[in-house]
Amino acid sequence: MVALLVLMPWVALSSAMSPPSAQAFVMHVSALAGLCMLACLAFKKIILRTGAVLLVFVYSLVLEWLQNFSPDRYCSMEDVVANALGCLGGVLLYFTIAGLQGLKRRFALHGSEKSKD
């Protein structure tokens, strides 16, 4: 995750790395969803997960603002909304997968208890 956060400014501020506008929304959502899902996987305590996700989002806001100072790049509210949706999507995806794994474990435990009877 740290490596991705270190590489993020190069991608966000390089004019050569600017995605076509039709793909920018999808790229923002998917990148932030992946980073926030990694942030959730990195910590066990909910407060640390929350802090990590907020850090990723604030970091994306700073990079978005810094684009104002890069040639051929600009700050866009569409990108900020895409980043927020990506963070939300990553967190929801993490908790959905974690919940499904919990159900799987619960049913596996109940199945093994029934076979013991």
Protein backbone atom coordinates (compact mmCIF):
# COMPACT_ATOMS: atom_id res chain seq x y z
CA MET A 1 0.00 0.00 0.00
CA VAL A 2 2.84 2.38 0.85
CA ALA A 3 4.42 1.79 -2.57
CA LEU A 4 1.13 2.69 -4.25
CA LEU A 5 0.82 5.86 -2.19
CA VAL A 6 4.37 6.81 -3.12
CA LEU A 7 3.70 6.27 -6.84
CA MET A 8 0.36 8.06 -6.75
CA PRO A 9 1.78 11.62 -7.00
CA TRP A 10 3.75 10.72 -10.12
CA VAL A 11 0.60 9.45 -11.82
CA ALA A 12 -1.60 12.25 -10.50
CA LEU A 13 0.72 15.13 -11.34
CA SER A 14 2.38 13.99 -14.57
CA SER A 15 0.82 15.57 -17.63
CA ALA A 16 1.89 12.53 -19.66
CA MET A 17 -0.15 10.23 -17.39
CA SER A 18 -3.40 12.18 -17.74
CA PRO A 19 -6.17 9.69 -18.63
CA PRO A 20 -8.70 10.45 -21.35
CA SER A 21 -11.68 12.21 -19.78
CA ALA A 22 -14.02 9.32 -20.65
CA GLN A 23 -11.90 6.93 -18.57
CA ALA A 24 -10.92 9.27 -15.75
CA PHE A 25 -13.99 8.62 -13.59
CA VAL A 26 -13.60 4.84 -13.76
CA MET A 27 -9.87 5.10 -13.09
CA HIS A 28 -10.39 7.32 -10.04
CA VAL A 29 -13.10 5.10 -8.58
CA SER A 30 -11.17 1.87 -9.12
CA ALA A 31 -7.84 3.26 -7.86
CA LEU A 32 -9.32 4.66 -4.65
CA ALA A 33 -11.48 1.58 -4.10
CA GLY A 34 -8.39 -0.61 -4.30
CA LEU A 35 -6.36 1.62 -2.00
CA CYS A 36 -9.14 1.82 0.59
CA MET A 37 -9.67 -1.92 0.48
CA LEU A 38 -5.93 -2.37 1.11
CA ALA A 39 -6.17 0.15 3.95
CA CYS A 40 -8.94 -1.92 5.53
CA LEU A 41 -6.93 -5.12 5.11
CA ALA A 42 -3.89 -3.52 6.73
CA PHE A 43 -5.49 -3.00 10.15
CA LYS A 44 -7.64 -5.04 12.53
CA LYS A 45 -9.05 -2.25 14.71
CA ILE A 46 -11.94 -0.31 13.22
CA ILE A 47 -10.52 3.04 14.35
CA LEU A 48 -7.25 2.35 12.52
CA ARG A 49 -9.13 1.24 9.41
CA THR A 50 -11.20 4.42 9.52
CA GLY A 51 -8.07 6.55 9.93
CA ALA A 52 -6.32 4.79 7.05
CA VAL A 53 -9.30 5.27 4.72
CA LEU A 54 -9.55 8.94 5.69
CA LEU A 55 -5.82 9.33 5.11
CA VAL A 56 -6.16 7.85 1.61
CA PHE A 57 -9.06 10.19 0.83
CA VAL A 58 -7.32 13.30 2.19
CA TYR A 59 -4.17 12.30 0.28
CA SER A 60 -6.25 12.11 -2.91
CA LEU A 61 -7.66 15.59 -2.17
CA VAL A 62 -4.16 17.02 -1.74
CA LEU A 63 -3.03 15.45 -5.01
CA GLU A 64 -6.10 16.78 -6.74
CA TRP A 65 -5.33 20.29 -5.46
CA LEU A 66 -1.66 19.97 -6.49
CA GLN A 67 -2.77 19.32 -10.07
CA ASN A 68 -3.53 23.05 -10.27
CA PHE A 69 0.23 23.67 -10.28
CA SER A 70 1.05 21.06 -12.92
CA PRO A 71 0.95 21.98 -16.61
CA ASP A 72 -1.93 20.46 -18.56
CA ARG A 73 -3.62 19.25 -15.34
CA TYR A 74 -6.42 20.79 -13.28
CA CYS A 75 -8.43 20.11 -10.17
CA SER A 76 -11.91 18.82 -10.82
CA MET A 77 -14.92 18.28 -8.54
CA GLU A 78 -15.81 15.26 -10.69
CA ASP A 79 -12.50 13.69 -9.67
CA VAL A 80 -13.12 14.47 -5.99
CA VAL A 81 -16.57 12.85 -6.21
CA ALA A 82 -15.05 9.84 -8.01
CA ASN A 83 -12.42 9.56 -5.27
CA ALA A 84 -15.09 9.68 -2.56
CA LEU A 85 -17.17 7.04 -4.35
CA GLY A 86 -14.07 4.91 -4.77
CA CYS A 87 -13.31 5.11 -1.05
CA LEU A 88 -16.88 4.23 -0.18
CA GLY A 89 -16.91 1.39 -2.70
CA GLY A 90 -13.64 -0.05 -1.39
CA VAL A 91 -14.88 -0.01 2.20
CA LEU A 92 -18.22 -1.57 1.22
CA LEU A 93 -16.46 -4.23 -0.83
CA TYR A 94 -14.13 -5.03 2.06
CA PHE A 95 -16.98 -5.39 4.56
CA THR A 96 -19.06 -7.41 2.10
CA ILE A 97 -16.23 -9.88 1.55
CA ALA A 98 -15.41 -9.98 5.27
CA GLY A 99 -19.07 -10.59 6.07
CA LEU A 100 -19.32 -13.41 3.54
CA GLN A 101 -16.20 -15.02 4.98
CA GLY A 102 -17.69 -14.74 8.46
CA LEU A 103 -20.88 -16.45 7.27
CA LYS A 104 -18.84 -19.14 5.57
CA ARG A 105 -16.91 -19.79 8.79
CA ARG A 106 -20.11 -19.78 10.84
CA PHE A 107 -21.78 -22.33 8.56
CA ALA A 108 -18.61 -24.44 8.51
CA LEU A 109 -18.59 -24.49 12.32
CA HIS A 110 -22.27 -25.42 12.48
CA GLY A 111 -21.71 -28.19 9.94
CA SER A 112 -18.86 -29.67 11.97
CA GLU A 113 -20.95 -29.50 15.19
CA LYS A 114 -23.80 -31.40 13.53
CA SER A 115 -21.46 -34.11 12.28
CA LYS A 116 -20.17 -34.61 15.85
CA ASP A 117 -23.71 -35.36 17.12
